[in-house]
């Protein structure tokens, strides 16, 4: 290492000749470059909901999850977005076609609706307590 006038240290020009961390031309680890086939695999697996660690084991016999995140970020995002869009389309169509469960799910997740339960205790203090449970669907303003 070389120390400059500011007291900072910097690597000498010959330190990283090959661009990969070694002294000799072409030495050190080669930069990871994903293939088109690997990108398609990662995108598909991400869309199917396969966990990151497991996806990483399928690329070149296994890579680190940090490398997967660094080199396949767009593919991971795109795969999940495509899958979410397909599921969303199916759910939306079911809700529109009258599937009550799908309509409830859609209204809660996409429209912000929620159910609130209110429990009230009432009655004479000398008699058994009377319980009333009220469920209300609330639409946000």
C-alpha atoms as a PDB file:
ATOM      1  CA  UNK A   1       0.000   0.000   0.000  1.00  0.00           C
ATOM      2  CA  UNK A   2       1.099   3.535  -0.669  1.00  0.00           C
ATOM      3  CA  UNK A   3       0.334   6.441   1.621  1.00  0.00           C
ATOM      4  CA  UNK A   4      -0.335   9.778  -0.097  1.00  0.00           C
ATOM      5  CA  UNK A   5       0.059  13.301   1.291  1.00  0.00           C
ATOM      6  CA  UNK A   6      -3.414  13.186   2.909  1.00  0.00           C
ATOM      7  CA  UNK A   7      -2.496  10.117   4.950  1.00  0.00           C
ATOM      8  CA  UNK A   8      -4.868   7.958   2.864  1.00  0.00           C
ATOM      9  CA  UNK A   9      -3.648   4.607   1.627  1.00  0.00           C
ATOM     10  CA  UNK A  10      -4.181   3.466  -1.905  1.00  0.00           C
ATOM     11  CA  UNK A  11      -3.253   0.395  -3.889  1.00  0.00           C
ATOM     12  CA  UNK A  12      -0.289   0.762  -6.225  1.00  0.00           C
ATOM     13  CA  UNK A  13      -1.131   0.745  -9.950  1.00  0.00           C
ATOM     14  CA  UNK A  14       0.298  -2.752 -10.385  1.00  0.00           C
ATOM     15  CA  UNK A  15      -1.805  -4.187  -7.516  1.00  0.00           C
ATOM     16  CA  UNK A  16      -4.883  -4.927  -9.619  1.00  0.00           C
ATOM     17  CA  UNK A  17      -3.494  -5.495 -13.085  1.00  0.00           C
ATOM     18  CA  UNK A  18      -6.035  -8.087 -14.222  1.00  0.00           C
ATOM     19  CA  UNK A  19      -9.045  -6.213 -12.810  1.00  0.00           C
ATOM     20  CA  UNK A  20     -10.030  -9.179 -10.676  1.00  0.00           C
ATOM     21  CA  UNK A  21      -7.897  -8.713  -7.585  1.00  0.00           C
ATOM     22  CA  UNK A  22      -4.586 -10.330  -8.538  1.00  0.00           C
ATOM     23  CA  UNK A  23      -1.096  -9.131  -9.432  1.00  0.00           C
ATOM     24  CA  UNK A  24      -0.819 -11.070 -12.663  1.00  0.00           C
ATOM     25  CA  UNK A  25      -2.846 -10.434 -15.780  1.00  0.00           C
ATOM     26  CA  UNK A  26      -6.020 -12.543 -15.609  1.00  0.00           C
ATOM     27  CA  UNK A  27      -5.427 -13.674 -12.028  1.00  0.00           C
ATOM     28  CA  UNK A  28      -8.048 -13.718  -9.299  1.00  0.00           C
ATOM     29  CA  UNK A  29     -11.674 -14.737  -9.463  1.00  0.00           C
ATOM     30  CA  UNK A  30     -13.454 -14.026 -12.734  1.00  0.00           C
ATOM     31  CA  UNK A  31     -16.430 -11.662 -12.600  1.00  0.00           C
ATOM     32  CA  UNK A  32     -19.721 -13.574 -12.467  1.00  0.00           C
ATOM     33  CA  UNK A  33     -21.759 -13.053 -15.629  1.00  0.00           C
ATOM     34  CA  UNK A  34     -25.202 -14.714 -15.733  1.00  0.00           C
ATOM     35  CA  UNK A  35     -26.253 -16.534 -18.894  1.00  0.00           C
ATOM     36  CA  UNK A  36     -29.656 -16.036 -20.510  1.00  0.00           C
ATOM     37  CA  UNK A  37     -30.600 -19.569 -19.445  1.00  0.00           C
ATOM     38  CA  UNK A  38     -29.687 -18.812 -15.803  1.00  0.00           C
ATOM     39  CA  UNK A  39     -31.714 -15.595 -15.911  1.00  0.00           C
ATOM     40  CA  UNK A  40     -34.800 -17.479 -17.170  1.00  0.00           C
ATOM     41  CA  UNK A  41     -34.356 -20.138 -14.475  1.00  0.00           C
ATOM     42  CA  UNK A  42     -34.068 -17.553 -11.670  1.00  0.00           C
ATOM     43  CA  UNK A  43     -37.049 -15.569 -12.979  1.00  0.00           C
ATOM     44  CA  UNK A  44     -39.246 -18.678 -13.162  1.00  0.00           C
ATOM     45  CA  UNK A  45     -38.230 -20.015  -9.740  1.00  0.00           C
ATOM     46  CA  UNK A  46     -38.774 -16.604  -8.151  1.00  0.00           C
ATOM     47  CA  UNK A  47     -42.243 -16.504  -9.701  1.00  0.00           C
ATOM     48  CA  UNK A  48     -43.054 -19.945  -8.304  1.00  0.00           C
ATOM     49  CA  UNK A  49     -42.171 -18.726  -4.814  1.00  0.00           C
ATOM     50  CA  UNK A  50     -39.004 -20.789  -4.358  1.00  0.00           C
ATOM     51  CA  UNK A  51     -36.936 -19.343  -1.461  1.00  0.00           C
ATOM     52  CA  UNK A  52     -33.788 -17.381  -2.372  1.00  0.00           C
ATOM     53  CA  UNK A  53     -31.383 -19.871  -0.762  1.00  0.00           C
ATOM     54  CA  UNK A  54     -32.893 -22.691  -2.785  1.00  0.00           C
ATOM     55  CA  UNK A  55     -32.779 -20.725  -6.045  1.00  0.00           C
ATOM     56  CA  UNK A  56     -29.088 -20.035  -5.410  1.00  0.00           C
ATOM     57  CA  UNK A  57     -28.343 -23.773  -5.236  1.00  0.00           C
ATOM     58  CA  UNK A  58     -29.618 -24.269  -8.808  1.00  0.00           C
ATOM     59  CA  UNK A  59     -27.323 -21.694 -10.422  1.00  0.00           C
ATOM     60  CA  UNK A  60     -23.985 -23.218 -11.513  1.00  0.00           C
ATOM     61  CA  UNK A  61     -24.140 -25.904  -8.862  1.00  0.00           C
ATOM     62  CA  UNK A  62     -24.669 -23.326  -6.122  1.00  0.00           C
ATOM     63  CA  UNK A  63     -23.802 -19.675  -5.632  1.00  0.00           C
ATOM     64  CA  UNK A  64     -23.982 -17.402  -2.613  1.00  0.00           C
ATOM     65  CA  UNK A  65     -27.338 -15.707  -2.022  1.00  0.00           C
ATOM     66  CA  UNK A  66     -25.575 -12.315  -2.047  1.00  0.00           C
ATOM     67  CA  UNK A  67     -24.271 -13.073  -5.546  1.00  0.00           C
ATOM     68  CA  UNK A  68     -27.788 -14.088  -6.565  1.00  0.00           C
ATOM     69  CA  UNK A  69     -29.166 -10.771  -5.281  1.00  0.00           C
ATOM     70  CA  UNK A  70     -26.375  -8.775  -6.915  1.00  0.00           C
ATOM     71  CA  UNK A  71     -26.417 -10.438 -10.346  1.00  0.00           C
ATOM     72  CA  UNK A  72     -30.092 -11.438 -10.712  1.00  0.00           C
ATOM     73  CA  UNK A  73     -31.917  -8.579  -8.957  1.00  0.00           C
ATOM     74  CA  UNK A  74     -34.123  -7.664 -11.940  1.00  0.00           C
ATOM     75  CA  UNK A  75     -34.893 -11.323 -12.693  1.00  0.00           C
ATOM     76  CA  UNK A  76     -35.984 -11.970  -9.095  1.00  0.00           C
ATOM     77  CA  UNK A  77     -38.272  -8.917  -9.151  1.00  0.00           C
ATOM     78  CA  UNK A  78     -39.660  -9.647 -12.628  1.00  0.00           C
ATOM     79  CA  UNK A  79     -40.447 -13.292 -11.820  1.00  0.00           C
ATOM     80  CA  UNK A  80     -42.380 -12.325  -8.707  1.00  0.00           C
ATOM     81  CA  UNK A  81     -44.219  -9.514 -10.533  1.00  0.00           C
ATOM     82  CA  UNK A  82     -45.312 -11.798 -13.389  1.00  0.00           C
ATOM     83  CA  UNK A  83     -46.607 -14.418 -10.939  1.00  0.00           C
ATOM     84  CA  UNK A  84     -48.409 -11.800  -8.827  1.00  0.00           C
ATOM     85  CA  UNK A  85     -50.037 -10.371 -11.946  1.00  0.00           C
ATOM     86  CA  UNK A  86     -51.328 -13.803 -13.033  1.00  0.00           C
ATOM     87  CA  UNK A  87     -52.708 -14.598  -9.576  1.00  0.00           C
ATOM     88  CA  UNK A  88     -54.195 -11.118  -9.301  1.00  0.00           C
ATOM     89  CA  UNK A  89     -55.865 -11.500 -12.683  1.00  0.00           C
ATOM     90  CA  UNK A  90     -57.376 -14.842 -11.666  1.00  0.00           C
ATOM     91  CA  UNK A  91     -58.543 -13.509  -8.291  1.00  0.00           C
ATOM     92  CA  UNK A  92     -60.037 -10.422  -9.903  1.00  0.00           C
ATOM     93  CA  UNK A  93     -61.910 -12.507 -12.459  1.00  0.00           C
ATOM     94  CA  UNK A  94     -63.297 -14.816  -9.753  1.00  0.00           C
ATOM     95  CA  UNK A  95     -64.465 -11.804  -7.712  1.00  0.00           C
ATOM     96  CA  UNK A  96     -66.127 -10.246 -10.758  1.00  0.00           C
ATOM     97  CA  UNK A  97     -67.795 -13.576 -11.583  1.00  0.00           C
ATOM     98  CA  UNK A  98     -69.436 -13.648  -8.135  1.00  0.00           C
ATOM     99  CA  UNK A  99     -67.084 -15.797  -6.035  1.00  0.00           C
ATOM    100  CA  UNK A 100     -67.840 -14.381  -2.558  1.00  0.00           C
ATOM    101  CA  UNK A 101     -64.566 -15.516  -0.996  1.00  0.00           C
ATOM    102  CA  UNK A 102     -62.561 -13.928  -3.810  1.00  0.00           C
ATOM    103  CA  UNK A 103     -64.606 -10.717  -3.519  1.00  0.00           C
ATOM    104  CA  UNK A 104     -63.993 -10.529   0.235  1.00  0.00           C
ATOM    105  CA  UNK A 105     -60.280 -11.182  -0.210  1.00  0.00           C
ATOM    106  CA  UNK A 106     -60.052  -8.549  -2.960  1.00  0.00           C
ATOM    107  CA  UNK A 107     -61.926  -5.935  -0.928  1.00  0.00           C
ATOM    108  CA  UNK A 108     -59.629  -6.460   2.064  1.00  0.00           C
ATOM    109  CA  UNK A 109     -56.304  -6.540   0.208  1.00  0.00           C
ATOM    110  CA  UNK A 110     -56.956  -4.131  -2.642  1.00  0.00           C
ATOM    111  CA  UNK A 111     -59.611  -1.784  -1.330  1.00  0.00           C
ATOM    112  CA  UNK A 112     -58.456  -1.521   2.275  1.00  0.00           C
ATOM    113  CA  UNK A 113     -61.675  -2.871   3.748  1.00  0.00           C
ATOM    114  CA  UNK A 114     -61.481  -4.637   7.075  1.00  0.00           C
ATOM    115  CA  UNK A 115     -63.667  -6.342   9.595  1.00  0.00           C
ATOM    116  CA  UNK A 116     -63.840  -5.135  13.153  1.00  0.00           C
ATOM    117  CA  UNK A 117     -65.342  -7.095  16.007  1.00  0.00           C
ATOM    118  CA  UNK A 118     -66.660  -5.253  18.993  1.00  0.00           C
ATOM    119  CA  UNK A 119     -67.411  -7.096  22.249  1.00  0.00           C
ATOM    120  CA  UNK A 120     -69.743  -5.394  24.700  1.00  0.00           C
ATOM    121  CA  UNK A 121     -70.487  -6.510  28.247  1.00  0.00           C
ATOM    122  CA  UNK A 122     -73.815  -5.375  29.639  1.00  0.00           C
ATOM    123  CA  UNK A 123     -76.387  -6.275  32.237  1.00  0.00           C
ATOM    124  CA  UNK A 124     -77.251  -6.182  35.915  1.00  0.00           C
ATOM    125  CA  UNK A 125     -74.149  -6.437  38.158  1.00  0.00           C
ATOM    126  CA  UNK A 126     -75.949  -9.115  40.241  1.00  0.00           C
ATOM    127  CA  UNK A 127     -76.902 -11.223  37.197  1.00  0.00           C
ATOM    128  CA  UNK A 128     -74.834 -13.181  34.675  1.00  0.00           C
ATOM    129  CA  UNK A 129     -72.931 -10.964  32.220  1.00  0.00           C
ATOM    130  CA  UNK A 130     -74.511 -10.611  28.812  1.00  0.00           C
ATOM    131  CA  UNK A 131     -72.085 -10.687  25.854  1.00  0.00           C
ATOM    132  CA  UNK A 132     -72.781  -9.079  22.488  1.00  0.00           C
ATOM    133  CA  UNK A 133     -70.380  -9.455  19.546  1.00  0.00           C
ATOM    134  CA  UNK A 134     -70.872  -7.172  16.551  1.00  0.00           C
ATOM    135  CA  UNK A 135     -68.921  -7.534  13.293  1.00  0.00           C
ATOM    136  CA  UNK A 136     -68.833  -4.477  11.085  1.00  0.00           C
ATOM    137  CA  UNK A 137     -67.314  -4.088   7.618  1.00  0.00           C
ATOM    138  CA  UNK A 138     -65.629  -0.717   7.454  1.00  0.00           C
ATOM    139  CA  UNK A 139     -64.817   1.116   4.252  1.00  0.00           C
ATOM    140  CA  UNK A 140     -61.986   3.663   4.632  1.00  0.00           C
ATOM    141  CA  UNK A 141     -62.727   7.230   3.603  1.00  0.00           C
END
